[in-house]
Amino acid sequence: MDRLLASPHYGERWGRHWLDLVRYSESLGHEFDYDLFNAWRYRDYVIRAFNADVPFDQFAMEHIAGDLLSSHAATRPTGTNESIVGTAFW
């Protein structure tokens, strides 16, 4: 069980459910639409958040007011503040 939770594919699998919920897309959905610039940053942020086991309340705060959180409140184990990426999606 611990091996599965430690796998980087854990975040990809469960992050996909969140991305479906927020209707994530890398384009506007029409065959003639262009790709959205840097949309992958949000996708990767969600995967990293799931892999880092970020509590849901923290994850939700980052989506609602990530640009207002202090850098200490949103720091990942990697030492980076990614809270603004969650807000940028909206």
PDB file of N, CA and C in Angstrom:
ATOM      1  N   MET A   1       0.819  -1.190   0.000  1.00  0.00           N
ATOM      2  CA  MET A   1       0.000   0.000   0.000  1.00  0.00           C
ATOM      3  C   MET A   1       0.868   1.260   0.000  1.00  0.00           C
ATOM      4  N   ASP A   2       1.895   1.293   0.849  1.00  0.00           N
ATOM      5  CA  ASP A   2       2.781   2.462   0.905  1.00  0.00           C
ATOM      6  C   ASP A   2       3.502   2.676  -0.419  1.00  0.00           C
ATOM      7  N   ARG A   3       3.807   1.582  -1.103  1.00  0.00           N
ATOM      8  CA  ARG A   3       4.489   1.684  -2.392  1.00  0.00           C
ATOM      9  C   ARG A   3       3.592   2.397  -3.406  1.00  0.00           C
ATOM     10  N   LEU A   4       2.293   2.096  -3.377  1.00  0.00           N
ATOM     11  CA  LEU A   4       1.365   2.734  -4.306  1.00  0.00           C
ATOM     12  C   LEU A   4       1.193   4.216  -3.998  1.00  0.00           C
ATOM     13  N   LEU A   5       1.126   4.558  -2.713  1.00  0.00           N
ATOM     14  CA  LEU A   5       0.978   5.961  -2.334  1.00  0.00           C
ATOM     15  C   LEU A   5       2.233   6.770  -2.641  1.00  0.00           C
ATOM     16  N   ALA A   6       3.394   6.128  -2.606  1.00  0.00           N
ATOM     17  CA  ALA A   6       4.651   6.825  -2.877  1.00  0.00           C
ATOM     18  C   ALA A   6       4.924   6.969  -4.377  1.00  0.00           C
ATOM     19  N   SER A   7       4.162   6.282  -5.190  1.00  0.00           N
ATOM     20  CA  SER A   7       4.377   6.331  -6.632  1.00  0.00           C
ATOM     21  C   SER A   7       3.988   7.693  -7.203  1.00  0.00           C
ATOM     22  N   PRO A   8       4.761   8.231  -8.144  1.00  0.00           N
ATOM     23  CA  PRO A   8       4.388   9.499  -8.782  1.00  0.00           C
ATOM     24  C   PRO A   8       3.103   9.367  -9.605  1.00  0.00           C
ATOM     25  N   HIS A   9       2.715   8.146  -9.936  1.00  0.00           N
ATOM     26  CA  HIS A   9       1.490   7.936 -10.701  1.00  0.00           C
ATOM     27  C   HIS A   9       0.245   8.129  -9.836  1.00  0.00           C
ATOM     28  N   TYR A  10       0.407   8.140  -8.523  1.00  0.00           N
ATOM     29  CA  TYR A  10      -0.714   8.397  -7.618  1.00  0.00           C
ATOM     30  C   TYR A  10      -1.322   9.770  -7.910  1.00  0.00           C
ATOM     31  N   GLY A  11      -0.483  10.774  -8.004  1.00  0.00           N
ATOM     32  CA  GLY A  11      -0.963  12.122  -8.286  1.00  0.00           C
ATOM     33  C   GLY A  11      -1.595  12.243  -9.660  1.00  0.00           C
ATOM     34  N   GLU A  12      -1.062  11.511 -10.620  1.00  0.00           N
ATOM     35  CA  GLU A  12      -1.632  11.539 -11.961  1.00  0.00           C
ATOM     36  C   GLU A  12      -3.027  10.920 -11.965  1.00  0.00           C
ATOM     37  N   ARG A  13      -3.163   9.825 -11.253  1.00  0.00           N
ATOM     38  CA  ARG A  13      -4.451   9.111 -11.231  1.00  0.00           C
ATOM     39  C   ARG A  13      -5.532   9.919 -10.520  1.00  0.00           C
ATOM     40  N   TRP A  14      -5.231  10.395  -9.298  1.00  0.00           N
ATOM     41  CA  TRP A  14      -6.246  11.098  -8.518  1.00  0.00           C
ATOM     42  C   TRP A  14      -6.374  12.555  -8.933  1.00  0.00           C
ATOM     43  N   GLY A  15      -5.320  13.119  -9.454  1.00  0.00           N
ATOM     44  CA  GLY A  15      -5.402  14.478  -9.971  1.00  0.00           C
ATOM     45  C   GLY A  15      -6.334  14.567 -11.162  1.00  0.00           C
ATOM     46  N   ARG A  16      -6.419  13.493 -11.913  1.00  0.00           N
ATOM     47  CA  ARG A  16      -7.312  13.449 -13.068  1.00  0.00           C
ATOM     48  C   ARG A  16      -8.768  13.667 -12.651  1.00  0.00           C
ATOM     49  N   HIS A  17      -9.155  13.146 -11.480  1.00  0.00           N
ATOM     50  CA  HIS A  17     -10.523  13.351 -10.990  1.00  0.00           C
ATOM     51  C   HIS A  17     -10.773  14.829 -10.695  1.00  0.00           C
ATOM     52  N   TRP A  18      -9.802  15.489 -10.079  1.00  0.00           N
ATOM     53  CA  TRP A  18      -9.950  16.916  -9.784  1.00  0.00           C
ATOM     54  C   TRP A  18     -10.002  17.727 -11.076  1.00  0.00           C
ATOM     55  N   LEU A  19      -9.151  17.390 -12.021  1.00  0.00           N
ATOM     56  CA  LEU A  19      -9.113  18.110 -13.285  1.00  0.00           C
ATOM     57  C   LEU A  19     -10.426  17.945 -14.051  1.00  0.00           C
ATOM     58  N   ASP A  20     -11.050  16.771 -13.938  1.00  0.00           N
ATOM     59  CA  ASP A  20     -12.371  16.586 -14.542  1.00  0.00           C
ATOM     60  C   ASP A  20     -13.403  17.453 -13.855  1.00  0.00           C
ATOM     61  N   LEU A  21     -13.317  17.545 -12.533  1.00  0.00           N
ATOM     62  CA  LEU A  21     -14.272  18.335 -11.770  1.00  0.00           C
ATOM     63  C   LEU A  21     -14.226  19.813 -12.148  1.00  0.00           C
ATOM     64  N   VAL A  22     -13.029  20.353 -12.311  1.00  0.00           N
ATOM     65  CA  VAL A  22     -12.898  21.776 -12.656  1.00  0.00           C
ATOM     66  C   VAL A  22     -12.921  22.012 -14.167  1.00  0.00           C
ATOM     67  N   ARG A  23     -13.159  20.946 -14.929  1.00  0.00           N
ATOM     68  CA  ARG A  23     -13.246  21.014 -16.390  1.00  0.00           C
ATOM     69  C   ARG A  23     -11.979  21.579 -17.032  1.00  0.00           C
ATOM     70  N   TYR A  24     -10.855  21.044 -16.575  1.00  0.00           N
ATOM     71  CA  TYR A  24      -9.562  21.452 -17.115  1.00  0.00           C
ATOM     72  C   TYR A  24      -9.467  21.044 -18.587  1.00  0.00           C
ATOM     73  N   SER A  25      -8.892  21.923 -19.378  1.00  0.00           N
ATOM     74  CA  SER A  25      -8.657  21.636 -20.785  1.00  0.00           C
ATOM     75  C   SER A  25      -7.442  22.434 -21.239  1.00  0.00           C
ATOM     76  N   GLU A  26      -6.758  21.935 -22.237  1.00  0.00           N
ATOM     77  CA  GLU A  26      -5.609  22.646 -22.768  1.00  0.00           C
ATOM     78  C   GLU A  26      -5.970  23.442 -24.014  1.00  0.00           C
ATOM     79  N   SER A  27      -7.261  23.481 -24.342  1.00  0.00           N
ATOM     80  CA  SER A  27      -7.757  24.350 -25.413  1.00  0.00           C
ATOM     81  C   SER A  27      -9.170  24.778 -25.034  1.00  0.00           C
ATOM     82  N   LEU A  28      -9.792  25.573 -25.869  1.00  0.00           N
ATOM     83  CA  LEU A  28     -11.153  26.025 -25.584  1.00  0.00           C
ATOM     84  C   LEU A  28     -12.212  25.039 -26.072  1.00  0.00           C
ATOM     85  N   GLY A  29     -11.803  23.919 -26.648  1.00  0.00           N
ATOM     86  CA  GLY A  29     -12.710  22.841 -26.944  1.00  0.00           C
ATOM     87  C   GLY A  29     -13.252  22.737 -28.351  1.00  0.00           C
ATOM     88  N   HIS A  30     -13.001  23.704 -29.190  1.00  0.00           N
ATOM     89  CA  HIS A  30     -13.478  23.645 -30.559  1.00  0.00           C
ATOM     90  C   HIS A  30     -12.326  23.207 -31.449  1.00  0.00           C
ATOM     91  N   GLU A  31     -12.612  22.555 -32.540  1.00  0.00           N
ATOM     92  CA  GLU A  31     -11.535  22.019 -33.372  1.00  0.00           C
ATOM     93  C   GLU A  31     -10.625  23.096 -33.957  1.00  0.00           C
ATOM     94  N   PHE A  32     -11.116  24.320 -34.084  1.00  0.00           N
ATOM     95  CA  PHE A  32     -10.298  25.389 -34.636  1.00  0.00           C
ATOM     96  C   PHE A  32      -9.658  26.266 -33.570  1.00  0.00           C
ATOM     97  N   ASP A  33      -9.925  25.972 -32.286  1.00  0.00           N
ATOM     98  CA  ASP A  33      -9.354  26.770 -31.205  1.00  0.00           C
ATOM     99  C   ASP A  33      -7.870  26.464 -31.032  1.00  0.00           C
ATOM    100  N   TYR A  34      -7.165  27.449 -30.605  1.00  0.00           N
ATOM    101  CA  TYR A  34      -5.745  27.300 -30.350  1.00  0.00           C
ATOM    102  C   TYR A  34      -5.530  26.753 -28.934  1.00  0.00           C
ATOM    103  N   ASP A  35      -4.355  26.193 -28.704  1.00  0.00           N
ATOM    104  CA  ASP A  35      -4.025  25.690 -27.379  1.00  0.00           C
ATOM    105  C   ASP A  35      -3.851  26.852 -26.410  1.00  0.00           C
ATOM    106  N   LEU A  36      -4.246  26.634 -25.170  1.00  0.00           N
ATOM    107  CA  LEU A  36      -4.086  27.659 -24.143  1.00  0.00           C
ATOM    108  C   LEU A  36      -2.637  27.670 -23.670  1.00  0.00           C
ATOM    109  N   PHE A  37      -2.043  28.827 -23.684  1.00  0.00           N
ATOM    110  CA  PHE A  37      -0.636  28.994 -23.334  1.00  0.00           C
ATOM    111  C   PHE A  37      -0.419  28.670 -21.849  1.00  0.00           C
ATOM    112  N   ASN A  38       0.507  27.815 -21.539  1.00  0.00           N
ATOM    113  CA  ASN A  38       0.905  27.435 -20.181  1.00  0.00           C
ATOM    114  C   ASN A  38      -0.191  26.752 -19.367  1.00  0.00           C
ATOM    115  N   ALA A  39      -1.178  26.143 -19.996  1.00  0.00           N
ATOM    116  CA  ALA A  39      -2.221  25.432 -19.254  1.00  0.00           C
ATOM    117  C   ALA A  39      -1.643  24.242 -18.500  1.00  0.00           C
ATOM    118  N   TRP A  40      -0.578  23.684 -18.993  1.00  0.00           N
ATOM    119  CA  TRP A  40       0.040  22.526 -18.359  1.00  0.00           C
ATOM    120  C   TRP A  40       0.554  22.839 -16.959  1.00  0.00           C
ATOM    121  N   ARG A  41       0.830  24.103 -16.665  1.00  0.00           N
ATOM    122  CA  ARG A  41       1.329  24.464 -15.331  1.00  0.00           C
ATOM    123  C   ARG A  41       0.309  24.113 -14.244  1.00  0.00           C
ATOM    124  N   TYR A  42      -0.960  24.360 -14.502  1.00  0.00           N
ATOM    125  CA  TYR A  42      -1.991  24.025 -13.526  1.00  0.00           C
ATOM    126  C   TYR A  42      -2.117  22.508 -13.378  1.00  0.00           C
ATOM    127  N   ARG A  43      -2.092  21.791 -14.488  1.00  0.00           N
ATOM    128  CA  ARG A  43      -2.170  20.327 -14.440  1.00  0.00           C
ATOM    129  C   ARG A  43      -1.036  19.752 -13.593  1.00  0.00           C
ATOM    130  N   ASP A  44       0.168  20.219 -13.824  1.00  0.00           N
ATOM    131  CA  ASP A  44       1.318  19.732 -13.066  1.00  0.00           C
ATOM    132  C   ASP A  44       1.247  20.142 -11.601  1.00  0.00           C
ATOM    133  N   TYR A  45       0.704  21.323 -11.320  1.00  0.00           N
ATOM    134  CA  TYR A  45       0.516  21.777  -9.942  1.00  0.00           C
ATOM    135  C   TYR A  45      -0.425  20.830  -9.191  1.00  0.00           C
ATOM    136  N   VAL A  46      -1.521  20.435  -9.828  1.00  0.00           N
ATOM    137  CA  VAL A  46      -2.470  19.524  -9.193  1.00  0.00           C
ATOM    138  C   VAL A  46      -1.811  18.179  -8.916  1.00  0.00           C
ATOM    139  N   ILE A  47      -1.056  17.664  -9.860  1.00  0.00           N
ATOM    140  CA  ILE A  47      -0.372  16.380  -9.676  1.00  0.00           C
ATOM    141  C   ILE A  47       0.624  16.467  -8.529  1.00  0.00           C
ATOM    142  N   ARG A  48       1.396  17.549  -8.477  1.00  0.00           N
ATOM    143  CA  ARG A  48       2.357  17.711  -7.379  1.00  0.00           C
ATOM    144  C   ARG A  48       1.658  17.840  -6.034  1.00  0.00           C
ATOM    145  N   ALA A  49       0.508  18.518  -5.997  1.00  0.00           N
ATOM    146  CA  ALA A  49      -0.233  18.674  -4.743  1.00  0.00           C
ATOM    147  C   ALA A  49      -0.730  17.324  -4.243  1.00  0.00           C
ATOM    148  N   PHE A  50      -1.237  16.490  -5.128  1.00  0.00           N
ATOM    149  CA  PHE A  50      -1.695  15.158  -4.715  1.00  0.00           C
ATOM    150  C   PHE A  50      -0.518  14.300  -4.268  1.00  0.00           C
ATOM    151  N   ASN A  51       0.586  14.368  -4.976  1.00  0.00           N
ATOM    152  CA  ASN A  51       1.751  13.581  -4.581  1.00  0.00           C
ATOM    153  C   ASN A  51       2.348  14.052  -3.263  1.00  0.00           C
ATOM    154  N   ALA A  52       2.241  15.349  -2.965  1.00  0.00           N
ATOM    155  CA  ALA A  52       2.769  15.892  -1.702  1.00  0.00           C
ATOM    156  C   ALA A  52       1.773  15.731  -0.561  1.00  0.00           C
ATOM    157  N   ASP A  53       0.600  15.141  -0.847  1.00  0.00           N
ATOM    158  CA  ASP A  53      -0.434  14.899   0.159  1.00  0.00           C
ATOM    159  C   ASP A  53      -0.850  16.191   0.862  1.00  0.00           C
ATOM    160  N   VAL A  54      -1.102  17.216   0.065  1.00  0.00           N
ATOM    161  CA  VAL A  54      -1.559  18.505   0.587  1.00  0.00           C
ATOM    162  C   VAL A  54      -2.976  18.321   1.134  1.00  0.00           C
ATOM    163  N   PRO A  55      -3.239  18.751   2.366  1.00  0.00           N
ATOM    164  CA  PRO A  55      -4.596  18.624   2.920  1.00  0.00           C
ATOM    165  C   PRO A  55      -5.609  19.384   2.056  1.00  0.00           C
ATOM    166  N   PHE A  56      -6.845  18.868   2.001  1.00  0.00           N
ATOM    167  CA  PHE A  56      -7.841  19.462   1.117  1.00  0.00           C
ATOM    168  C   PHE A  56      -8.127  20.911   1.475  1.00  0.00           C
ATOM    169  N   ASP A  57      -8.156  21.254   2.769  1.00  0.00           N
ATOM    170  CA  ASP A  57      -8.438  22.649   3.128  1.00  0.00           C
ATOM    171  C   ASP A  57      -7.354  23.581   2.610  1.00  0.00           C
ATOM    172  N   GLN A  58      -6.110  23.139   2.645  1.00  0.00           N
ATOM    173  CA  GLN A  58      -5.007  23.932   2.098  1.00  0.00           C
ATOM    174  C   GLN A  58      -5.131  24.041   0.577  1.00  0.00           C
ATOM    175  N   PHE A  59      -5.459  22.923  -0.056  1.00  0.00           N
ATOM    176  CA  PHE A  59      -5.624  22.874  -1.508  1.00  0.00           C
ATOM    177  C   PHE A  59      -6.744  23.824  -1.939  1.00  0.00           C
ATOM    178  N   ALA A  60      -7.855  23.828  -1.202  1.00  0.00           N
ATOM    179  CA  ALA A  60      -8.977  24.719  -1.520  1.00  0.00           C
ATOM    180  C   ALA A  60      -8.594  26.185  -1.302  1.00  0.00           C
ATOM    181  N   MET A  61      -7.864  26.469  -0.216  1.00  0.00           N
ATOM    182  CA  MET A  61      -7.424  27.851   0.023  1.00  0.00           C
ATOM    183  C   MET A  61      -6.530  28.344  -1.099  1.00  0.00           C
ATOM    184  N   GLU A  62      -5.671  27.479  -1.601  1.00  0.00           N
ATOM    185  CA  GLU A  62      -4.786  27.866  -2.697  1.00  0.00           C
ATOM    186  C   GLU A  62      -5.580  28.186  -3.956  1.00  0.00           C
ATOM    187  N   HIS A  63      -6.701  27.528  -4.163  1.00  0.00           N
ATOM    188  CA  HIS A  63      -7.532  27.798  -5.337  1.00  0.00           C
ATOM    189  C   HIS A  63      -8.334  29.086  -5.174  1.00  0.00           C
ATOM    190  N   ILE A  64      -8.748  29.376  -3.965  1.00  0.00           N
ATOM    191  CA  ILE A  64      -9.591  30.549  -3.728  1.00  0.00           C
ATOM    192  C   ILE A  64      -8.759  31.814  -3.565  1.00  0.00           C
ATOM    193  N   ALA A  65      -7.693  31.730  -2.773  1.00  0.00           N
ATOM    194  CA  ALA A  65      -6.918  32.932  -2.456  1.00  0.00           C
ATOM    195  C   ALA A  65      -5.425  32.648  -2.416  1.00  0.00           C
ATOM    196  N   GLY A  66      -4.941  31.878  -3.347  1.00  0.00           N
ATOM    197  CA  GLY A  66      -3.533  31.504  -3.357  1.00  0.00           C
ATOM    198  C   GLY A  66      -2.586  32.673  -3.501  1.00  0.00           C
ATOM    199  N   ASP A  67      -3.040  33.723  -4.163  1.00  0.00           N
ATOM    200  CA  ASP A  67      -2.182  34.892  -4.335  1.00  0.00           C
ATOM    201  C   ASP A  67      -2.066  35.707  -3.052  1.00  0.00           C
ATOM    202  N   LEU A  68      -2.949  35.456  -2.079  1.00  0.00           N
ATOM    203  CA  LEU A  68      -2.911  36.203  -0.826  1.00  0.00           C
ATOM    204  C   LEU A  68      -2.262  35.433   0.316  1.00  0.00           C
ATOM    205  N   LEU A  69      -1.982  34.146   0.119  1.00  0.00           N
ATOM    206  CA  LEU A  69      -1.374  33.339   1.172  1.00  0.00           C
ATOM    207  C   LEU A  69       0.090  33.709   1.351  1.00  0.00           C
ATOM    208  N   SER A  70       0.538  33.636   2.588  1.00  0.00           N
ATOM    209  CA  SER A  70       1.958  33.886   2.835  1.00  0.00           C
ATOM    210  C   SER A  70       2.769  32.747   2.232  1.00  0.00           C
ATOM    211  N   SER A  71       3.990  33.011   1.927  1.00  0.00           N
ATOM    212  CA  SER A  71       4.825  31.986   1.304  1.00  0.00           C
ATOM    213  C   SER A  71       5.037  30.795   2.233  1.00  0.00           C
ATOM    214  N   HIS A  72       5.005  31.020   3.547  1.00  0.00           N
ATOM    215  CA  HIS A  72       5.185  29.915   4.495  1.00  0.00           C
ATOM    216  C   HIS A  72       3.965  28.994   4.504  1.00  0.00           C
ATOM    217  N   ALA A  73       2.771  29.550   4.336  1.00  0.00           N
ATOM    218  CA  ALA A  73       1.539  28.767   4.420  1.00  0.00           C
ATOM    219  C   ALA A  73       1.378  27.815   3.240  1.00  0.00           C
ATOM    220  N   ALA A  74       2.004  28.093   2.135  1.00  0.00           N
ATOM    221  CA  ALA A  74       1.798  27.283   0.934  1.00  0.00           C
ATOM    222  C   ALA A  74       3.072  26.622   0.434  1.00  0.00           C
ATOM    223  N   THR A  75       4.054  26.467   1.275  1.00  0.00           N
ATOM    224  CA  THR A  75       5.319  25.889   0.840  1.00  0.00           C
ATOM    225  C   THR A  75       5.215  24.374   0.799  1.00  0.00           C
ATOM    226  N   ARG A  76       5.653  23.791  -0.288  1.00  0.00           N
ATOM    227  CA  ARG A  76       5.687  22.341  -0.462  1.00  0.00           C
ATOM    228  C   ARG A  76       6.990  21.802   0.103  1.00  0.00           C
ATOM    229  N   PRO A  77       7.075  20.490   0.232  1.00  0.00           N
ATOM    230  CA  PRO A  77       8.334  19.886   0.689  1.00  0.00           C
ATOM    231  C   PRO A  77       9.519  20.235  -0.212  1.00  0.00           C
ATOM    232  N   THR A  78       9.247  20.611  -1.446  1.00  0.00           N
ATOM    233  CA  THR A  78      10.330  20.992  -2.359  1.00  0.00           C
ATOM    234  C   THR A  78      10.870  22.377  -2.038  1.00  0.00           C
ATOM    235  N   GLY A  79      10.163  23.120  -1.168  1.00  0.00           N
ATOM    236  CA  GLY A  79      10.608  24.446  -0.781  1.00  0.00           C
ATOM    237  C   GLY A  79      10.067  25.554  -1.648  1.00  0.00           C
ATOM    238  N   THR A  80       9.114  25.248  -2.518  1.00  0.00           N
ATOM    239  CA  THR A  80       8.559  26.269  -3.401  1.00  0.00           C
ATOM    240  C   THR A  80       7.147  26.649  -2.972  1.00  0.00           C
ATOM    241  N   ASN A  81       6.769  27.871  -3.262  1.00  0.00           N
ATOM    242  CA  ASN A  81       5.421  28.354  -2.992  1.00  0.00           C
ATOM    243  C   ASN A  81       4.629  28.276  -4.293  1.00  0.00           C
ATOM    244  N   GLU A  82       3.698  27.340  -4.355  1.00  0.00           N
ATOM    245  CA  GLU A  82       2.935  27.118  -5.585  1.00  0.00           C
ATOM    246  C   GLU A  82       1.502  27.604  -5.474  1.00  0.00           C
ATOM    247  N   SER A  83       1.159  28.307  -4.419  1.00  0.00           N
ATOM    248  CA  SER A  83      -0.238  28.654  -4.188  1.00  0.00           C
ATOM    249  C   SER A  83      -0.812  29.549  -5.274  1.00  0.00           C
ATOM    250  N   ILE A  84      -0.011  30.358  -5.889  1.00  0.00           N
ATOM    251  CA  ILE A  84      -0.520  31.273  -6.915  1.00  0.00           C
ATOM    252  C   ILE A  84      -0.944  30.536  -8.189  1.00  0.00           C
ATOM    253  N   VAL A  85      -0.388  29.361  -8.422  1.00  0.00           N
ATOM    254  CA  VAL A  85      -0.748  28.592  -9.620  1.00  0.00           C
ATOM    255  C   VAL A  85      -2.200  28.125  -9.517  1.00  0.00           C
ATOM    256  N   GLY A  86      -2.645  27.740  -8.321  1.00  0.00           N
ATOM    257  CA  GLY A  86      -4.043  27.333  -8.139  1.00  0.00           C
ATOM    258  C   GLY A  86      -5.001  28.460  -8.425  1.00  0.00           C
ATOM    259  N   THR A  87      -4.665  29.658  -8.041  1.00  0.00           N
ATOM    260  CA  THR A  87      -5.516  30.816  -8.287  1.00  0.00           C
ATOM    261  C   THR A  87      -5.495  31.198  -9.763  1.00  0.00           C
ATOM    262  N   ALA A  88      -4.387  31.025 -10.410  1.00  0.00           N
ATOM    263  CA  ALA A  88      -4.246  31.444 -11.808  1.00  0.00           C
ATOM    264  C   ALA A  88      -5.158  30.654 -12.743  1.00  0.00           C
ATOM    265  N   PHE A  89      -5.562  29.457 -12.347  1.00  0.00           N
ATOM    266  CA  PHE A  89      -6.435  28.665 -13.200  1.00  0.00           C
ATOM    267  C   PHE A  89      -7.758  29.366 -13.428  1.00  0.00           C
ATOM    268  N   TRP A  90      -8.291  30.027 -12.410  1.00  0.00           N
ATOM    269  CA  TRP A  90      -9.599  30.683 -12.524  1.00  0.00           C
ATOM    270  C   TRP A  90      -9.441  31.984 -13.260  1.00  0.00           C
TER     271      TRP A  90
END
